[in-house]
Each structure stands twice: as C-alpha cells, then as structure tokens.
Amino acid sequence: MRTRPLLLAVVLALGLTACAAPEEAPRASAAIPGTVNDSPDQKRIVPAKVAAVAALLPADLRAGGTLAIGVGAAGAGSPPLAFTATDNRTLIGSEPDIAVAVAGILGLEPRLENTSWENLFVGLDSGKYAVGVSNITVTEERKQKYDFATYRLDNLAFEAKKGAGWKATGPRDVAGKRIAVGSGTNQEKILVEWSAEAKRQGLAPVDIKYYQTNQATHLALASGQIDAYLGPNPSVAYHVAVAGETEIIGTYSGAGAALQGKIALTTKKGSGLVGALAAAVDELIRSGDYGKILARWNLGDETTSKSEINPPGLPIEGK
C-alpha cells in the first residue's frame, strides 16, 4: 500500500533512521503447505472474453491486442501479492492473477513486467504500462494524476515475534518501539502520525526503521533488531503462516481510522481505460472467479462486492 514519500521536514523532525540490511540468502520455496502454490506452473484462471466489457476499451488498445501491465515486485517481492516463483523468474501472486484475469475478460493478451515501485509510476506516466497492478492504494493525491478501479480492501497489520506480549492499537502502544516500515508507503504515513501523536502525549517517538527488502525486515525481526513490522495485511499474514515464529499484534485500515482503504488497478488519468477495468473486475466478481483468485492466496477477508472508479482515497497531507 504505497503512497508518495512524506515531506523531508516531517521525516527529519521525527528522527527516522535508515537501516543496513542483515545478510540475505536466496529466497527458497515458501508455500503454505496445501494452500499456496509458488511453483512456475500456476494454472491461472483465464476467463473468456466478454464482448460487452471489451467494447469499453479505447480503440488503440482493442486494435493492439495486448495489455502492458506493470507490477512493482522487483527484488524479493511481497508474497502473496506479487513475487517470483521457485524458478526465480516467473511472476506470481494475487496481483498478477487479477491482472491476467482482467486481461482475459477484455480479450487482451497480458504482458506482465516486473519492475521497481518507483519505475512502475514512471512507466504509467510515459505510457509504457497501460495499467499498474501492485497493491496500489487510492489516495487523493494520486487521483490528480491517475484513474483507479478498485478490486480489494486495503488493510495493514503489525507483526511481532510470538509471545511479544503487547498489542498495537494506537500511538501509545508503539511509543518508543523500534518498528520497521516500507519507505513511501501509506503505512509509513500512519506510523509517522502515530509517532507524532505519542510525542504530543509526552511519550517517546517511534524509532522507525527502513530495510530494502521484506527478507531483510524479517531477519531483523527474528534477530531482535526491531520490535515489530507494519506492512500490508496480506504479506504479513502470509509470512506469519510460513515462518511460524511471529504473530499479528494489531490490524488497521490502510487509509486510517476514518476511511476504509482500497486497492485499485491504476491507469494514467484520462487514458479512457478505467471504465473497462472496473467493468472487468465486476464481471470477475459476478462469475465467481474473483473470489477463487483471492481465496487461493488466502485473501478472502479483503474482498469487495463491486469495483469503484476513483472513490474517496487517503487524504492529501495536511488536509
């Protein structure tokens, strides 16, 4: 659940620290036995073209026959959302599955490209990618540049070692704790806000840590370098199930207390594609394929009943 980086002044004022990554090993198979297949042979659900939905596509996309899809999962990725299979090459996860299914409804050949988070938006801006499918949270700031068609709820989770003995429900709980979070994410925004509130209450600010990969974060958590990690609920729940050494100590909406965060297919504003994307998601929901896709990645608690176009998003900073 990414957002644009926070103002540097805010970051410096709160004394955020960067972290060196612990030594990492190559990613091994991390499937939850009997529930998650992380081999290259995915047997994805690929629905047949629905003519009425495909007719909503811009003429150039219909003529081209392909859908260029950017997925910001470079590096270790974020299982079960988007990561590489055990061959360290094939892009798999719930996000690629949704993208491929949407392309099927639209009658287009999906062209998945694994890229960095930053280059995903560069690619959308330049037209290299027609759509971004990468756990992207709807925000008011992003709506100025992009159009959104929602397809999943946006929830966050705090992860700590088993038996940590504390719960993360608000600013007082995280005061003075060493907590890792992804840079430029909306979970970072929430954690920074909680840190500022703890400071206003006369408590110690959060000691916020940053790592380059999820694997580095998990190693830091296991070694006691940090007290907790705040990340997307799907990724946290997956790691808790796989590792067996950690637990979720709190959950939170990705848009804060006043608004349910939403994840969306993202396209350049005014591209004319968003209506077709939303209709494709609605068709997947109607057919039942949508529920099957999320269920195979254990994301059944984040389903939505309808795709929304440009719904209210995470507020712009200061508003």
C-alpha atoms as a PDB file:
ATOM      1  CA  MET A   1       0.000   0.000   0.000  1.00  0.00           C
ATOM      2  CA  ARG A   2       2.206   2.719  -1.273  1.00  0.00           C
ATOM      3  CA  THR A   3       1.920   6.489  -1.133  1.00  0.00           C
ATOM      4  CA  ARG A   4       4.258   9.227  -2.171  1.00  0.00           C
ATOM      5  CA  PRO A   5       7.189   9.905   0.212  1.00  0.00           C
ATOM      6  CA  LEU A   6       6.424  12.205   3.150  1.00  0.00           C
ATOM      7  CA  LEU A   7       7.827  15.687   3.407  1.00  0.00           C
ATOM      8  CA  LEU A   8      11.515  15.598   4.294  1.00  0.00           C
ATOM      9  CA  ALA A   9      10.941  18.097   7.079  1.00  0.00           C
ATOM     10  CA  VAL A  10       8.493  15.769   8.778  1.00  0.00           C
ATOM     11  CA  VAL A  11      10.870  12.854   8.430  1.00  0.00           C
ATOM     12  CA  LEU A  12      13.811  14.757   9.878  1.00  0.00           C
ATOM     13  CA  ALA A  13      11.764  16.171  12.713  1.00  0.00           C
ATOM     14  CA  LEU A  14      10.816  12.710  13.858  1.00  0.00           C
ATOM     15  CA  GLY A  15      14.330  11.364  13.629  1.00  0.00           C
ATOM     16  CA  LEU A  16      13.679   8.463  11.289  1.00  0.00           C
ATOM     17  CA  THR A  17      16.611   6.133  10.767  1.00  0.00           C
ATOM     18  CA  ALA A  18      17.757   4.065   7.828  1.00  0.00           C
ATOM     19  CA  CYS A  19      18.928   0.510   8.447  1.00  0.00           C
ATOM     20  CA  ALA A  20      21.575  -1.679   6.948  1.00  0.00           C
ATOM     21  CA  ALA A  21      20.061  -4.907   5.710  1.00  0.00           C
ATOM     22  CA  PRO A  22      21.046  -8.106   7.530  1.00  0.00           C
ATOM     23  CA  GLU A  23      22.749 -10.667   5.328  1.00  0.00           C
ATOM     24  CA  GLU A  24      20.214 -12.203   2.960  1.00  0.00           C
ATOM     25  CA  ALA A  25      20.042 -15.646   1.420  1.00  0.00           C
ATOM     26  CA  PRO A  26      18.335 -16.538  -1.873  1.00  0.00           C
ATOM     27  CA  ARG A  27      14.588 -16.944  -1.497  1.00  0.00           C
ATOM     28  CA  ALA A  28      13.551 -20.563  -1.074  1.00  0.00           C
ATOM     29  CA  SER A  29      10.115 -22.026  -1.631  1.00  0.00           C
ATOM     30  CA  ALA A  30       7.829 -20.526   0.984  1.00  0.00           C
ATOM     31  CA  ALA A  31       4.474 -22.031   0.182  1.00  0.00           C
ATOM     32  CA  ILE A  32       1.981 -22.688   2.940  1.00  0.00           C
ATOM     33  CA  PRO A  33       1.598 -26.479   2.649  1.00  0.00           C
ATOM     34  CA  GLY A  34      -1.595 -27.433   0.905  1.00  0.00           C
ATOM     35  CA  THR A  35      -2.769 -23.885   0.281  1.00  0.00           C
ATOM     36  CA  VAL A  36      -0.296 -21.876  -1.809  1.00  0.00           C
ATOM     37  CA  ASN A  37       1.467 -22.973  -4.966  1.00  0.00           C
ATOM     38  CA  ASP A  38       4.642 -20.960  -5.589  1.00  0.00           C
ATOM     39  CA  SER A  39       5.935 -23.066  -8.468  1.00  0.00           C
ATOM     40  CA  PRO A  40       6.125 -21.661 -12.019  1.00  0.00           C
ATOM     41  CA  ASP A  41       3.147 -23.846 -13.025  1.00  0.00           C
ATOM     42  CA  GLN A  42       0.338 -21.610 -11.737  1.00  0.00           C
ATOM     43  CA  LYS A  43      -2.708 -22.864 -13.663  1.00  0.00           C
ATOM     44  CA  ARG A  44      -4.154 -19.364 -13.520  1.00  0.00           C
ATOM     45  CA  ILE A  45      -7.826 -18.605 -14.064  1.00  0.00           C
ATOM     46  CA  VAL A  46      -8.088 -17.031 -17.524  1.00  0.00           C
ATOM     47  CA  PRO A  47     -11.721 -16.129 -18.292  1.00  0.00           C
ATOM     48  CA  ALA A  48     -13.078 -15.891 -21.809  1.00  0.00           C
ATOM     49  CA  LYS A  49     -13.513 -12.502 -23.425  1.00  0.00           C
ATOM     50  CA  VAL A  50     -16.752 -10.694 -22.543  1.00  0.00           C
ATOM     51  CA  ALA A  51     -17.632  -8.664 -25.620  1.00  0.00           C
ATOM     52  CA  ALA A  52     -19.728  -6.048 -23.792  1.00  0.00           C
ATOM     53  CA  VAL A  53     -16.819  -5.275 -21.459  1.00  0.00           C
ATOM     54  CA  ALA A  54     -14.172  -5.359 -24.175  1.00  0.00           C
ATOM     55  CA  ALA A  55     -16.239  -2.828 -26.135  1.00  0.00           C
ATOM     56  CA  LEU A  56     -15.462  -0.276 -23.412  1.00  0.00           C
ATOM     57  CA  LEU A  57     -11.744  -0.341 -24.258  1.00  0.00           C
ATOM     58  CA  PRO A  58     -10.100   2.596 -26.032  1.00  0.00           C
ATOM     59  CA  ALA A  59      -9.798   1.841 -29.754  1.00  0.00           C
ATOM     60  CA  ASP A  60      -5.987   1.729 -29.725  1.00  0.00           C
ATOM     61  CA  LEU A  61      -5.909  -0.957 -27.036  1.00  0.00           C
ATOM     62  CA  ARG A  62      -8.537  -3.043 -28.821  1.00  0.00           C
ATOM     63  CA  ALA A  63      -6.508  -2.819 -32.018  1.00  0.00           C
ATOM     64  CA  GLY A  64      -3.206  -3.578 -30.325  1.00  0.00           C
ATOM     65  CA  GLY A  65      -4.482  -6.743 -28.659  1.00  0.00           C
ATOM     66  CA  THR A  66      -2.138  -6.622 -25.657  1.00  0.00           C
ATOM     67  CA  LEU A  67      -2.316  -5.134 -22.169  1.00  0.00           C
ATOM     68  CA  ALA A  68       1.004  -3.869 -20.775  1.00  0.00           C
ATOM     69  CA  ILE A  69       0.883  -4.431 -17.013  1.00  0.00           C
ATOM     70  CA  GLY A  70       3.424  -3.049 -14.553  1.00  0.00           C
ATOM     71  CA  VAL A  71       3.930  -4.910 -11.265  1.00  0.00           C
ATOM     72  CA  GLY A  72       6.251  -3.320  -8.701  1.00  0.00           C
ATOM     73  CA  ALA A  73       7.681  -6.520  -7.255  1.00  0.00           C
ATOM     74  CA  ALA A  74      11.366  -6.193  -8.136  1.00  0.00           C
ATOM     75  CA  GLY A  75      13.707  -7.746  -5.597  1.00  0.00           C
ATOM     76  CA  ALA A  76      12.140 -10.101  -3.065  1.00  0.00           C
ATOM     77  CA  GLY A  77       8.579  -9.058  -3.912  1.00  0.00           C
ATOM     78  CA  SER A  78       5.714  -9.242  -1.402  1.00  0.00           C
ATOM     79  CA  PRO A  79       4.194 -12.722  -1.093  1.00  0.00           C
ATOM     80  CA  PRO A  80       1.365 -13.475  -1.600  1.00  0.00           C
ATOM     81  CA  LEU A  81       0.694 -10.292  -3.575  1.00  0.00           C
ATOM     82  CA  ALA A  82       3.456 -10.404  -6.171  1.00  0.00           C
ATOM     83  CA  PHE A  83       6.749 -12.296  -6.142  1.00  0.00           C
ATOM     84  CA  THR A  84       8.790 -14.664  -8.251  1.00  0.00           C
ATOM     85  CA  ALA A  85       8.148 -18.396  -8.301  1.00  0.00           C
ATOM     86  CA  THR A  86      10.662 -21.011  -7.252  1.00  0.00           C
ATOM     87  CA  ASP A  87      12.374 -20.629 -10.622  1.00  0.00           C
ATOM     88  CA  ASN A  88      13.221 -17.030  -9.545  1.00  0.00           C
ATOM     89  CA  ARG A  89      11.808 -15.795 -12.852  1.00  0.00           C
ATOM     90  CA  THR A  90       8.044 -16.357 -13.205  1.00  0.00           C
ATOM     91  CA  LEU A  91       5.957 -13.561 -11.679  1.00  0.00           C
ATOM     92  CA  ILE A  92       3.195 -14.985  -9.466  1.00  0.00           C
ATOM     93  CA  GLY A  93       0.803 -13.902  -6.721  1.00  0.00           C
ATOM     94  CA  SER A  94      -2.662 -12.456  -6.322  1.00  0.00           C
ATOM     95  CA  GLU A  95      -1.806  -9.260  -8.214  1.00  0.00           C
ATOM     96  CA  PRO A  96      -0.577 -10.990 -11.397  1.00  0.00           C
ATOM     97  CA  ASP A  97      -3.550 -13.375 -11.166  1.00  0.00           C
ATOM     98  CA  ILE A  98      -6.031 -10.477 -11.034  1.00  0.00           C
ATOM     99  CA  ALA A  99      -4.241  -8.730 -13.901  1.00  0.00           C
ATOM    100  CA  VAL A 100      -4.275 -11.820 -16.119  1.00  0.00           C
ATOM    101  CA  ALA A 101      -7.959 -12.467 -15.376  1.00  0.00           C
ATOM    102  CA  VAL A 102      -8.902  -8.858 -16.173  1.00  0.00           C
ATOM    103  CA  ALA A 103      -6.983  -9.074 -19.460  1.00  0.00           C
ATOM    104  CA  GLY A 104      -8.921 -12.244 -20.298  1.00  0.00           C
ATOM    105  CA  ILE A 105     -12.275 -10.506 -19.783  1.00  0.00           C
ATOM    106  CA  LEU A 106     -11.047  -7.670 -22.016  1.00  0.00           C
ATOM    107  CA  GLY A 107      -9.897 -10.074 -24.714  1.00  0.00           C
ATOM    108  CA  LEU A 108      -6.306  -8.842 -24.479  1.00  0.00           C
ATOM    109  CA  GLU A 109      -3.014 -10.708 -24.167  1.00  0.00           C
ATOM    110  CA  PRO A 110      -1.459  -9.766 -20.803  1.00  0.00           C
ATOM    111  CA  ARG A 111       2.166  -8.617 -20.847  1.00  0.00           C
ATOM    112  CA  LEU A 112       3.366  -8.679 -17.245  1.00  0.00           C
ATOM    113  CA  GLU A 113       6.524  -6.755 -16.421  1.00  0.00           C
ATOM    114  CA  ASN A 114       8.224  -6.894 -13.038  1.00  0.00           C
ATOM    115  CA  THR A 115       9.686  -3.525 -12.103  1.00  0.00           C
ATOM    116  CA  SER A 116      10.573  -1.392  -9.089  1.00  0.00           C
ATOM    117  CA  TRP A 117       7.899   0.593  -7.281  1.00  0.00           C
ATOM    118  CA  GLU A 118       9.296   3.916  -8.498  1.00  0.00           C
ATOM    119  CA  ASN A 119       9.634   2.772 -12.104  1.00  0.00           C
ATOM    120  CA  LEU A 120       6.074   1.461 -12.079  1.00  0.00           C
ATOM    121  CA  PHE A 121       4.766   5.026 -11.886  1.00  0.00           C
ATOM    122  CA  VAL A 122       7.376   6.288 -14.334  1.00  0.00           C
ATOM    123  CA  GLY A 123       6.087   3.614 -16.727  1.00  0.00           C
ATOM    124  CA  LEU A 124       2.472   4.661 -16.207  1.00  0.00           C
ATOM    125  CA  ASP A 125       3.366   8.302 -16.804  1.00  0.00           C
ATOM    126  CA  SER A 126       5.252   7.519 -20.010  1.00  0.00           C
ATOM    127  CA  GLY A 127       2.662   5.106 -21.376  1.00  0.00           C
ATOM    128  CA  LYS A 128       4.978   2.102 -21.124  1.00  0.00           C
ATOM    129  CA  TYR A 129       2.356   0.417 -18.928  1.00  0.00           C
ATOM    130  CA  ALA A 130      -1.354   0.735 -19.585  1.00  0.00           C
ATOM    131  CA  VAL A 131      -2.153  -0.365 -16.052  1.00  0.00           C
ATOM    132  CA  GLY A 132      -0.369  -0.826 -12.740  1.00  0.00           C
ATOM    133  CA  VAL A 133      -1.398  -3.783 -10.579  1.00  0.00           C
ATOM    134  CA  SER A 134       0.744  -3.635  -7.480  1.00  0.00           C
ATOM    135  CA  ASN A 135      -1.246  -3.245  -4.243  1.00  0.00           C
ATOM    136  CA  ILE A 136      -1.711   0.461  -5.041  1.00  0.00           C
ATOM    137  CA  THR A 137      -3.796   2.372  -2.517  1.00  0.00           C
ATOM    138  CA  VAL A 138      -6.238   5.019  -3.749  1.00  0.00           C
ATOM    139  CA  THR A 139      -5.136   8.419  -2.432  1.00  0.00           C
ATOM    140  CA  GLU A 140      -6.451  11.901  -3.122  1.00  0.00           C
ATOM    141  CA  GLU A 141      -3.004  12.997  -4.279  1.00  0.00           C
ATOM    142  CA  ARG A 142      -2.728  10.121  -6.742  1.00  0.00           C
ATOM    143  CA  LYS A 143      -6.181  10.873  -8.136  1.00  0.00           C
ATOM    144  CA  GLN A 144      -4.732  14.080  -9.556  1.00  0.00           C
ATOM    145  CA  LYS A 145      -2.569  12.013 -11.946  1.00  0.00           C
ATOM    146  CA  TYR A 146      -4.201   8.580 -12.173  1.00  0.00           C
ATOM    147  CA  ASP A 147      -7.574   6.873 -12.507  1.00  0.00           C
ATOM    148  CA  PHE A 148      -8.494   3.960 -10.253  1.00  0.00           C
ATOM    149  CA  ALA A 149     -10.742   0.902 -10.444  1.00  0.00           C
ATOM    150  CA  THR A 150     -10.830  -0.793  -7.035  1.00  0.00           C
ATOM    151  CA  TYR A 151     -10.593  -4.545  -6.584  1.00  0.00           C
ATOM    152  CA  ARG A 152      -9.603  -5.229  -2.958  1.00  0.00           C
ATOM    153  CA  LEU A 153      -9.746  -3.736   0.518  1.00  0.00           C
ATOM    154  CA  ASP A 154      -6.586  -2.195   1.939  1.00  0.00           C
ATOM    155  CA  ASN A 155      -5.700  -3.430   5.414  1.00  0.00           C
ATOM    156  CA  LEU A 156      -2.452  -3.238   7.383  1.00  0.00           C
ATOM    157  CA  ALA A 157      -1.020  -5.410  10.138  1.00  0.00           C
ATOM    158  CA  PHE A 158       1.641  -5.193  12.833  1.00  0.00           C
ATOM    159  CA  GLU A 159       3.870  -8.276  13.033  1.00  0.00           C
ATOM    160  CA  ALA A 160       5.988  -9.192  16.077  1.00  0.00           C
ATOM    161  CA  LYS A 161       7.752 -12.285  17.401  1.00  0.00           C
ATOM    162  CA  LYS A 162       5.473 -14.809  19.053  1.00  0.00           C
ATOM    163  CA  GLY A 163       4.934 -14.054  22.709  1.00  0.00           C
ATOM    164  CA  ALA A 164       5.809 -10.382  22.306  1.00  0.00           C
ATOM    165  CA  GLY A 165       3.225  -9.602  24.965  1.00  0.00           C
ATOM    166  CA  TRP A 166       1.890  -6.351  23.537  1.00  0.00           C
ATOM    167  CA  LYS A 167      -0.752  -5.180  21.102  1.00  0.00           C
ATOM    168  CA  ALA A 168      -0.539  -2.320  18.611  1.00  0.00           C
ATOM    169  CA  THR A 169      -3.820  -0.435  18.618  1.00  0.00           C
ATOM    170  CA  GLY A 170      -2.724   3.193  18.672  1.00  0.00           C
ATOM    171  CA  PRO A 171       0.045   5.730  19.319  1.00  0.00           C
ATOM    172  CA  ARG A 172       0.615   4.849  22.993  1.00  0.00           C
ATOM    173  CA  ASP A 173       1.312   1.208  22.107  1.00  0.00           C
ATOM    174  CA  VAL A 174       4.102   1.993  19.642  1.00  0.00           C
ATOM    175  CA  ALA A 175       5.762   4.839  21.560  1.00  0.00           C
ATOM    176  CA  GLY A 176       9.486   4.182  21.875  1.00  0.00           C
ATOM    177  CA  LYS A 177       9.275   0.923  19.909  1.00  0.00           C
ATOM    178  CA  ARG A 178      11.615   0.029  17.039  1.00  0.00           C
ATOM    179  CA  ILE A 179       9.243  -0.560  14.133  1.00  0.00           C
ATOM    180  CA  ALA A 180      10.127  -1.243  10.510  1.00  0.00           C
ATOM    181  CA  VAL A 181       8.006   0.080   7.665  1.00  0.00           C
ATOM    182  CA  GLY A 182       8.335   0.495   3.917  1.00  0.00           C
ATOM    183  CA  SER A 183       9.530   3.897   2.733  1.00  0.00           C
ATOM    184  CA  GLY A 184       6.965   5.898   0.743  1.00  0.00           C
ATOM    185  CA  THR A 185       4.012   3.766   1.870  1.00  0.00           C
ATOM    186  CA  ASN A 186       0.758   4.799   3.479  1.00  0.00           C
ATOM    187  CA  GLN A 187       1.654   2.572   6.428  1.00  0.00           C
ATOM    188  CA  GLU A 188       4.689   4.811   6.862  1.00  0.00           C
ATOM    189  CA  LYS A 189       2.384   7.836   6.870  1.00  0.00           C
ATOM    190  CA  ILE A 190       0.213   6.299   9.576  1.00  0.00           C
ATOM    191  CA  LEU A 191       3.220   5.280  11.679  1.00  0.00           C
ATOM    192  CA  VAL A 192       4.721   8.775  11.411  1.00  0.00           C
ATOM    193  CA  GLU A 193       1.385  10.250  12.509  1.00  0.00           C
ATOM    194  CA  TRP A 194       1.218   7.859  15.452  1.00  0.00           C
ATOM    195  CA  SER A 195       4.790   8.770  16.395  1.00  0.00           C
ATOM    196  CA  ALA A 196       3.945  12.472  16.337  1.00  0.00           C
ATOM    197  CA  GLU A 197       0.847  11.866  18.472  1.00  0.00           C
ATOM    198  CA  ALA A 198       2.880   9.848  21.006  1.00  0.00           C
ATOM    199  CA  LYS A 199       5.325  12.747  21.220  1.00  0.00           C
ATOM    200  CA  ARG A 200       2.451  15.203  21.807  1.00  0.00           C
ATOM    201  CA  GLN A 201       1.346  12.982  24.686  1.00  0.00           C
ATOM    202  CA  GLY A 202       4.786  13.276  26.271  1.00  0.00           C
ATOM    203  CA  LEU A 203       5.867   9.789  25.194  1.00  0.00           C
ATOM    204  CA  ALA A 204       8.902   8.697  23.214  1.00  0.00           C
ATOM    205  CA  PRO A 205       8.510   8.839  19.413  1.00  0.00           C
ATOM    206  CA  VAL A 206       8.589   5.655  17.373  1.00  0.00           C
ATOM    207  CA  ASP A 207      12.074   4.573  16.322  1.00  0.00           C
ATOM    208  CA  ILE A 208      11.185   3.977  12.673  1.00  0.00           C
ATOM    209  CA  LYS A 209      13.458   1.639  10.703  1.00  0.00           C
ATOM    210  CA  TYR A 210      13.763   1.032   6.976  1.00  0.00           C
ATOM    211  CA  TYR A 211      15.049  -2.020   5.098  1.00  0.00           C
ATOM    212  CA  GLN A 212      15.453  -2.567   1.385  1.00  0.00           C
ATOM    213  CA  THR A 213      13.588  -5.904   1.208  1.00  0.00           C
ATOM    214  CA  ASN A 214      10.975  -7.876   3.110  1.00  0.00           C
ATOM    215  CA  GLN A 215      13.520 -10.600   3.737  1.00  0.00           C
ATOM    216  CA  ALA A 216      15.833  -8.121   5.449  1.00  0.00           C
ATOM    217  CA  THR A 217      12.924  -6.924   7.591  1.00  0.00           C
ATOM    218  CA  HIS A 218      12.055 -10.473   8.593  1.00  0.00           C
ATOM    219  CA  LEU A 219      15.668 -11.188   9.537  1.00  0.00           C
ATOM    220  CA  ALA A 220      15.767  -8.037  11.649  1.00  0.00           C
ATOM    221  CA  LEU A 221      12.553  -9.088  13.401  1.00  0.00           C
ATOM    222  CA  ALA A 222      13.849 -12.599  14.075  1.00  0.00           C
ATOM    223  CA  SER A 223      17.166 -11.301  15.444  1.00  0.00           C
ATOM    224  CA  GLY A 224      15.559  -8.749  17.752  1.00  0.00           C
ATOM    225  CA  GLN A 225      16.850  -5.686  15.886  1.00  0.00           C
ATOM    226  CA  ILE A 226      13.268  -4.411  15.709  1.00  0.00           C
ATOM    227  CA  ASP A 227      10.188  -4.868  17.888  1.00  0.00           C
ATOM    228  CA  ALA A 228       7.648  -5.047  15.078  1.00  0.00           C
ATOM    229  CA  TYR A 229       6.948  -4.504  11.406  1.00  0.00           C
ATOM    230  CA  LEU A 230       3.965  -2.625   9.962  1.00  0.00           C
ATOM    231  CA  GLY A 231       3.055  -3.803   6.473  1.00  0.00           C
ATOM    232  CA  PRO A 232       0.224  -4.871   4.170  1.00  0.00           C
ATOM    233  CA  ASN A 233      -2.003  -7.390   5.924  1.00  0.00           C
ATOM    234  CA  PRO A 234      -1.776  -9.957   3.080  1.00  0.00           C
ATOM    235  CA  SER A 235       2.026 -10.039   3.182  1.00  0.00           C
ATOM    236  CA  VAL A 236       2.157 -10.106   6.966  1.00  0.00           C
ATOM    237  CA  ALA A 237      -0.451 -12.866   7.248  1.00  0.00           C
ATOM    238  CA  TYR A 238       1.418 -14.912   4.635  1.00  0.00           C
ATOM    239  CA  HIS A 239       4.745 -14.576   6.449  1.00  0.00           C
ATOM    240  CA  VAL A 240       3.187 -15.398   9.829  1.00  0.00           C
ATOM    241  CA  ALA A 241       1.770 -18.619   8.352  1.00  0.00           C
ATOM    242  CA  VAL A 242       5.016 -19.531   6.587  1.00  0.00           C
ATOM    243  CA  ALA A 243       7.546 -18.673   9.277  1.00  0.00           C
ATOM    244  CA  GLY A 244       5.602 -19.925  12.282  1.00  0.00           C
ATOM    245  CA  GLU A 245       7.688 -17.695  14.566  1.00  0.00           C
ATOM    246  CA  THR A 246       5.727 -14.449  14.505  1.00  0.00           C
ATOM    247  CA  GLU A 247       2.199 -13.215  15.138  1.00  0.00           C
ATOM    248  CA  ILE A 248      -0.104 -10.365  14.192  1.00  0.00           C
ATOM    249  CA  ILE A 249      -0.471  -7.968  17.125  1.00  0.00           C
ATOM    250  CA  GLY A 250      -2.807  -5.452  15.513  1.00  0.00           C
ATOM    251  CA  THR A 251      -4.613  -4.576  12.287  1.00  0.00           C
ATOM    252  CA  TYR A 252      -5.640  -1.224  10.833  1.00  0.00           C
ATOM    253  CA  SER A 253      -7.293   0.219   7.733  1.00  0.00           C
ATOM    254  CA  GLY A 254      -4.768   1.301   5.154  1.00  0.00           C
ATOM    255  CA  ALA A 255      -6.425   4.719   4.936  1.00  0.00           C
ATOM    256  CA  GLY A 256      -6.593   5.395   8.655  1.00  0.00           C
ATOM    257  CA  ALA A 257      -9.370   5.230  11.216  1.00  0.00           C
ATOM    258  CA  ALA A 258     -11.948   7.328   9.349  1.00  0.00           C
ATOM    259  CA  LEU A 259     -11.830   5.622   5.956  1.00  0.00           C
ATOM    260  CA  GLN A 260     -11.579   2.060   4.638  1.00  0.00           C
ATOM    261  CA  GLY A 261      -8.554   1.966   2.359  1.00  0.00           C
ATOM    262  CA  LYS A 262      -8.990   0.463  -1.112  1.00  0.00           C
ATOM    263  CA  ILE A 263      -6.558  -1.146  -3.557  1.00  0.00           C
ATOM    264  CA  ALA A 264      -7.061  -0.408  -7.237  1.00  0.00           C
ATOM    265  CA  LEU A 265      -6.000  -1.058 -10.781  1.00  0.00           C
ATOM    266  CA  THR A 266      -4.212   2.135 -11.751  1.00  0.00           C
ATOM    267  CA  THR A 267      -4.039   3.843 -15.136  1.00  0.00           C
ATOM    268  CA  LYS A 268      -2.913   7.232 -16.375  1.00  0.00           C
ATOM    269  CA  LYS A 269      -5.603   9.859 -15.841  1.00  0.00           C
ATOM    270  CA  GLY A 270      -7.719  10.383 -18.915  1.00  0.00           C
ATOM    271  CA  SER A 271      -6.443   7.251 -20.681  1.00  0.00           C
ATOM    272  CA  GLY A 272     -10.029   6.086 -21.188  1.00  0.00           C
ATOM    273  CA  LEU A 273      -9.220   2.662 -19.721  1.00  0.00           C
ATOM    274  CA  VAL A 274     -10.633   2.892 -16.198  1.00  0.00           C
ATOM    275  CA  GLY A 275     -14.255   2.142 -17.149  1.00  0.00           C
ATOM    276  CA  ALA A 276     -13.264  -1.081 -18.895  1.00  0.00           C
ATOM    277  CA  LEU A 277     -11.085  -2.108 -15.941  1.00  0.00           C
ATOM    278  CA  ALA A 278     -13.902  -1.579 -13.452  1.00  0.00           C
ATOM    279  CA  ALA A 279     -16.365  -3.480 -15.640  1.00  0.00           C
ATOM    280  CA  ALA A 280     -13.873  -6.352 -15.956  1.00  0.00           C
ATOM    281  CA  VAL A 281     -13.483  -6.577 -12.182  1.00  0.00           C
ATOM    282  CA  ASP A 282     -17.269  -6.546 -11.763  1.00  0.00           C
ATOM    283  CA  GLU A 283     -17.543  -9.375 -14.278  1.00  0.00           C
ATOM    284  CA  LEU A 284     -14.934 -11.386 -12.343  1.00  0.00           C
ATOM    285  CA  ILE A 285     -16.935 -10.816  -9.150  1.00  0.00           C
ATOM    286  CA  ARG A 286     -20.190 -11.833 -10.873  1.00  0.00           C
ATOM    287  CA  SER A 287     -18.713 -15.032 -12.299  1.00  0.00           C
ATOM    288  CA  GLY A 288     -17.125 -16.107  -9.017  1.00  0.00           C
ATOM    289  CA  ASP A 289     -13.614 -16.156 -10.483  1.00  0.00           C
ATOM    290  CA  TYR A 290     -12.656 -13.150  -8.367  1.00  0.00           C
ATOM    291  CA  GLY A 291     -13.409 -14.983  -5.126  1.00  0.00           C
ATOM    292  CA  LYS A 292     -11.498 -18.046  -6.312  1.00  0.00           C
ATOM    293  CA  ILE A 293      -8.415 -15.966  -7.146  1.00  0.00           C
ATOM    294  CA  LEU A 294      -8.270 -14.278  -3.751  1.00  0.00           C
ATOM    295  CA  ALA A 295      -9.110 -17.498  -1.903  1.00  0.00           C
ATOM    296  CA  ARG A 296      -6.144 -19.346  -3.438  1.00  0.00           C
ATOM    297  CA  TRP A 297      -3.864 -16.698  -1.871  1.00  0.00           C
ATOM    298  CA  ASN A 298      -5.736 -16.676   1.468  1.00  0.00           C
ATOM    299  CA  LEU A 299      -7.099 -13.157   0.885  1.00  0.00           C
ATOM    300  CA  GLY A 300     -10.779 -13.927   1.290  1.00  0.00           C
ATOM    301  CA  ASP A 301     -11.128 -11.344   4.081  1.00  0.00           C
ATOM    302  CA  GLU A 302     -10.143  -8.494   1.727  1.00  0.00           C
ATOM    303  CA  THR A 303     -12.739  -8.989  -0.993  1.00  0.00           C
ATOM    304  CA  THR A 304     -15.020  -6.240  -2.253  1.00  0.00           C
ATOM    305  CA  SER A 305     -18.524  -6.554  -3.716  1.00  0.00           C
ATOM    306  CA  LYS A 306     -18.065  -4.016  -6.523  1.00  0.00           C
ATOM    307  CA  SER A 307     -15.320  -2.121  -8.322  1.00  0.00           C
ATOM    308  CA  GLU A 308     -15.447   1.619  -7.672  1.00  0.00           C
ATOM    309  CA  ILE A 309     -13.987   4.225 -10.003  1.00  0.00           C
ATOM    310  CA  ASN A 310     -11.953   6.915  -8.204  1.00  0.00           C
ATOM    311  CA  PRO A 311     -13.564   6.533  -4.755  1.00  0.00           C
ATOM    312  CA  PRO A 312     -12.553   8.722  -1.778  1.00  0.00           C
ATOM    313  CA  GLY A 313      -8.919   7.984  -1.021  1.00  0.00           C
ATOM    314  CA  LEU A 314      -6.299   8.578   1.621  1.00  0.00           C
ATOM    315  CA  PRO A 315      -6.398  12.370   2.200  1.00  0.00           C
ATOM    316  CA  ILE A 316      -3.731  14.701   0.890  1.00  0.00           C
ATOM    317  CA  GLU A 317      -1.171  15.554   3.578  1.00  0.00           C
ATOM    318  CA  GLY A 318      -2.352  18.481   5.659  1.00  0.00           C
ATOM    319  CA  LYS A 319      -5.993  18.275   4.525  1.00  0.00           C
END
